Amino acid sequence: MVTDEQILATADPALMFDKRLQLAHDRMLLCPSEPETEEYGKRWREYLAAGGDRTMRDKGIDLENWQRYREAK
């Protein structure tokens, strides 16, 4: 399990203006559950509550950060 501290440590600070949105975005994309599950729905609601614009291509976050963890698995 990737910690919040790890996510924030690897995000490019020049791209990340909103830590809460960065965490929610990365957690959403790293969610191992299927879209119809409760866990996935929870992650989606957290993303929206953090200011996500429903595109998953939000400005103010490092859009590629989550891939660093997916590739490491």
N, C-alpha and C. Protein backbone atom coordinates (compact mmCIF):
# COMPACT_ATOMS: atom_id res chain seq x y z
N MET A 1 0.85 -1.19 0.00
CA MET A 1 0.00 0.00 0.00
C MET A 1 0.89 1.24 0.00
N VAL A 2 0.62 2.13 -0.89
CA VAL A 2 1.36 3.37 -1.01
C VAL A 2 0.82 4.38 0.02
N THR A 3 1.71 5.03 0.74
CA THR A 3 1.29 6.00 1.74
C THR A 3 1.11 7.38 1.11
N ASP A 4 0.40 8.24 1.81
CA ASP A 4 0.23 9.62 1.37
C ASP A 4 1.59 10.31 1.25
N GLU A 5 2.46 10.03 2.20
CA GLU A 5 3.79 10.65 2.20
C GLU A 5 4.58 10.24 0.95
N GLN A 6 4.48 8.98 0.56
CA GLN A 6 5.17 8.52 -0.65
C GLN A 6 4.62 9.21 -1.90
N ILE A 7 3.32 9.30 -1.98
CA ILE A 7 2.70 9.96 -3.14
C ILE A 7 3.18 11.40 -3.24
N LEU A 8 3.13 12.12 -2.14
CA LEU A 8 3.52 13.53 -2.16
C LEU A 8 5.02 13.70 -2.41
N ALA A 9 5.82 12.76 -1.94
CA ALA A 9 7.28 12.86 -2.12
C ALA A 9 7.69 12.67 -3.58
N THR A 10 6.93 11.92 -4.34
CA THR A 10 7.31 11.67 -5.73
C THR A 10 6.63 12.59 -6.73
N ALA A 11 5.61 13.30 -6.31
CA ALA A 11 4.93 14.24 -7.20
C ALA A 11 5.84 15.43 -7.49
N ASP A 12 5.82 15.88 -8.72
CA ASP A 12 6.63 17.03 -9.13
C ASP A 12 6.03 18.29 -8.49
N PRO A 13 6.78 18.96 -7.60
CA PRO A 13 6.24 20.13 -6.91
C PRO A 13 5.90 21.29 -7.85
N ALA A 14 6.52 21.33 -9.01
CA ALA A 14 6.21 22.39 -9.98
C ALA A 14 4.83 22.17 -10.61
N LEU A 15 4.34 20.96 -10.56
CA LEU A 15 3.03 20.64 -11.15
C LEU A 15 1.94 20.51 -10.11
N MET A 16 2.32 20.20 -8.87
CA MET A 16 1.35 19.91 -7.82
C MET A 16 1.06 21.17 -6.99
N PHE A 17 -0.10 21.75 -7.21
CA PHE A 17 -0.52 22.93 -6.47
C PHE A 17 -1.54 22.60 -5.39
N ASP A 18 -2.10 21.40 -5.44
CA ASP A 18 -3.15 21.01 -4.51
C ASP A 18 -2.86 19.59 -4.00
N LYS A 19 -2.30 19.49 -2.82
CA LYS A 19 -1.91 18.19 -2.26
C LYS A 19 -3.10 17.27 -2.08
N ARG A 20 -4.20 17.81 -1.60
CA ARG A 20 -5.40 17.00 -1.37
C ARG A 20 -5.90 16.39 -2.68
N LEU A 21 -5.93 17.19 -3.73
CA LEU A 21 -6.37 16.69 -5.04
C LEU A 21 -5.37 15.69 -5.60
N GLN A 22 -4.09 15.94 -5.40
CA GLN A 22 -3.06 15.00 -5.87
C GLN A 22 -3.26 13.63 -5.22
N LEU A 23 -3.46 13.62 -3.92
CA LEU A 23 -3.66 12.37 -3.21
C LEU A 23 -4.92 11.64 -3.69
N ALA A 24 -6.01 12.37 -3.82
CA ALA A 24 -7.27 11.76 -4.25
C ALA A 24 -7.17 11.22 -5.68
N HIS A 25 -6.52 11.97 -6.55
CA HIS A 25 -6.33 11.56 -7.95
C HIS A 25 -5.50 10.28 -8.02
N ASP A 26 -4.37 10.27 -7.35
CA ASP A 26 -3.50 9.11 -7.39
C ASP A 26 -4.15 7.88 -6.75
N ARG A 27 -4.83 8.08 -5.63
CA ARG A 27 -5.52 6.97 -4.97
C ARG A 27 -6.61 6.39 -5.89
N MET A 28 -7.31 7.27 -6.60
CA MET A 28 -8.35 6.81 -7.52
C MET A 28 -7.75 5.92 -8.60
N LEU A 29 -6.66 6.35 -9.19
CA LEU A 29 -6.05 5.60 -10.27
C LEU A 29 -5.32 4.35 -9.80
N LEU A 30 -4.94 4.31 -8.55
CA LEU A 30 -4.27 3.14 -8.00
C LEU A 30 -5.24 2.15 -7.35
N CYS A 31 -6.51 2.50 -7.34
CA CYS A 31 -7.52 1.64 -6.71
C CYS A 31 -7.57 0.29 -7.43
N PRO A 32 -7.37 -0.80 -6.69
CA PRO A 32 -7.36 -2.12 -7.32
C PRO A 32 -8.75 -2.68 -7.61
N SER A 33 -9.78 -2.02 -7.13
CA SER A 33 -11.14 -2.53 -7.26
C SER A 33 -11.77 -2.15 -8.60
N GLU A 34 -12.79 -2.90 -8.94
CA GLU A 34 -13.55 -2.65 -10.16
C GLU A 34 -14.46 -1.44 -9.97
N PRO A 35 -14.85 -0.77 -11.06
CA PRO A 35 -15.69 0.43 -10.97
C PRO A 35 -17.00 0.26 -10.20
N GLU A 36 -17.59 -0.90 -10.18
CA GLU A 36 -18.88 -1.08 -9.52
C GLU A 36 -18.76 -1.39 -8.02
N THR A 37 -17.57 -1.36 -7.47
CA THR A 37 -17.40 -1.71 -6.05
C THR A 37 -17.52 -0.50 -5.14
N GLU A 38 -17.74 -0.77 -3.87
CA GLU A 38 -17.85 0.29 -2.87
C GLU A 38 -16.52 1.06 -2.73
N GLU A 39 -15.40 0.33 -2.73
CA GLU A 39 -14.10 1.00 -2.59
C GLU A 39 -13.86 1.98 -3.74
N TYR A 40 -14.15 1.56 -4.94
CA TYR A 40 -13.98 2.43 -6.11
C TYR A 40 -14.88 3.66 -5.99
N GLY A 41 -16.12 3.45 -5.59
CA GLY A 41 -17.05 4.57 -5.41
C GLY A 41 -16.56 5.55 -4.35
N LYS A 42 -16.00 5.00 -3.28
CA LYS A 42 -15.46 5.85 -2.21
C LYS A 42 -14.31 6.70 -2.74
N ARG A 43 -13.42 6.09 -3.51
CA ARG A 43 -12.29 6.84 -4.08
C ARG A 43 -12.79 7.94 -5.03
N TRP A 44 -13.81 7.63 -5.80
CA TRP A 44 -14.38 8.62 -6.72
C TRP A 44 -14.97 9.80 -5.95
N ARG A 45 -15.70 9.52 -4.89
CA ARG A 45 -16.28 10.59 -4.08
C ARG A 45 -15.19 11.44 -3.42
N GLU A 46 -14.10 10.80 -2.98
CA GLU A 46 -12.98 11.55 -2.39
C GLU A 46 -12.35 12.47 -3.43
N TYR A 47 -12.20 11.96 -4.64
CA TYR A 47 -11.65 12.77 -5.74
C TYR A 47 -12.53 13.99 -6.01
N LEU A 48 -13.83 13.80 -6.09
CA LEU A 48 -14.74 14.92 -6.33
C LEU A 48 -14.73 15.91 -5.17
N ALA A 49 -14.70 15.40 -3.94
CA ALA A 49 -14.68 16.26 -2.75
C ALA A 49 -13.39 17.09 -2.67
N ALA A 50 -12.32 16.56 -3.25
CA ALA A 50 -11.04 17.28 -3.24
C ALA A 50 -10.98 18.34 -4.35
N GLY A 51 -12.03 18.44 -5.15
CA GLY A 51 -12.07 19.45 -6.20
C GLY A 51 -11.86 18.90 -7.59
N GLY A 52 -11.88 17.58 -7.73
CA GLY A 52 -11.71 16.96 -9.04
C GLY A 52 -12.78 17.43 -10.02
N ASP A 53 -12.39 17.59 -11.27
CA ASP A 53 -13.32 18.12 -12.28
C ASP A 53 -13.98 17.02 -13.12
N ARG A 54 -13.89 15.78 -12.67
CA ARG A 54 -14.49 14.61 -13.31
C ARG A 54 -13.74 14.13 -14.55
N THR A 55 -12.67 14.79 -14.93
CA THR A 55 -11.93 14.39 -16.13
C THR A 55 -10.74 13.50 -15.81
N MET A 56 -10.28 13.54 -14.57
CA MET A 56 -9.05 12.88 -14.14
C MET A 56 -7.83 13.47 -14.86
N ARG A 57 -7.98 14.63 -15.44
CA ARG A 57 -6.89 15.35 -16.09
C ARG A 57 -6.80 16.77 -15.50
N ASP A 58 -7.00 16.87 -14.22
CA ASP A 58 -7.10 18.15 -13.53
C ASP A 58 -5.81 18.97 -13.62
N LYS A 59 -5.97 20.27 -13.69
CA LYS A 59 -4.83 21.17 -13.62
C LYS A 59 -4.40 21.29 -12.16
N GLY A 60 -3.12 21.49 -11.93
CA GLY A 60 -2.61 21.68 -10.58
C GLY A 60 -2.14 20.42 -9.89
N ILE A 61 -2.04 19.32 -10.65
CA ILE A 61 -1.50 18.10 -10.08
C ILE A 61 -0.55 17.45 -11.08
N ASP A 62 0.34 16.61 -10.57
CA ASP A 62 1.26 15.85 -11.42
C ASP A 62 0.48 14.64 -11.94
N LEU A 63 0.02 14.72 -13.17
CA LEU A 63 -0.85 13.69 -13.74
C LEU A 63 -0.17 12.35 -13.93
N GLU A 64 1.15 12.33 -13.97
CA GLU A 64 1.88 11.09 -14.20
C GLU A 64 2.37 10.43 -12.93
N ASN A 65 2.21 11.06 -11.79
CA ASN A 65 2.76 10.54 -10.54
C ASN A 65 2.26 9.14 -10.20
N TRP A 66 1.01 8.87 -10.36
CA TRP A 66 0.45 7.56 -10.01
C TRP A 66 1.10 6.42 -10.78
N GLN A 67 1.56 6.70 -11.99
CA GLN A 67 2.17 5.66 -12.82
C GLN A 67 3.49 5.16 -12.23
N ARG A 68 4.16 5.98 -11.48
CA ARG A 68 5.40 5.57 -10.83
C ARG A 68 5.17 4.38 -9.90
N TYR A 69 4.00 4.36 -9.28
CA TYR A 69 3.67 3.28 -8.34
C TYR A 69 3.11 2.06 -9.06
N ARG A 70 2.38 2.28 -10.10
CA ARG A 70 1.83 1.16 -10.86
C ARG A 70 2.96 0.36 -11.53
N GLU A 71 3.96 1.07 -12.05
CA GLU A 71 5.09 0.41 -12.71
C GLU A 71 5.99 -0.32 -11.71
N ALA A 72 6.02 0.15 -10.47
CA ALA A 72 6.87 -0.45 -9.44
C ALA A 72 6.33 -1.79 -8.94
N LYS A 73 5.07 -2.07 -9.17
CA LYS A 73 4.46 -3.32 -8.67
C LYS A 73 5.02 -4.53 -9.36
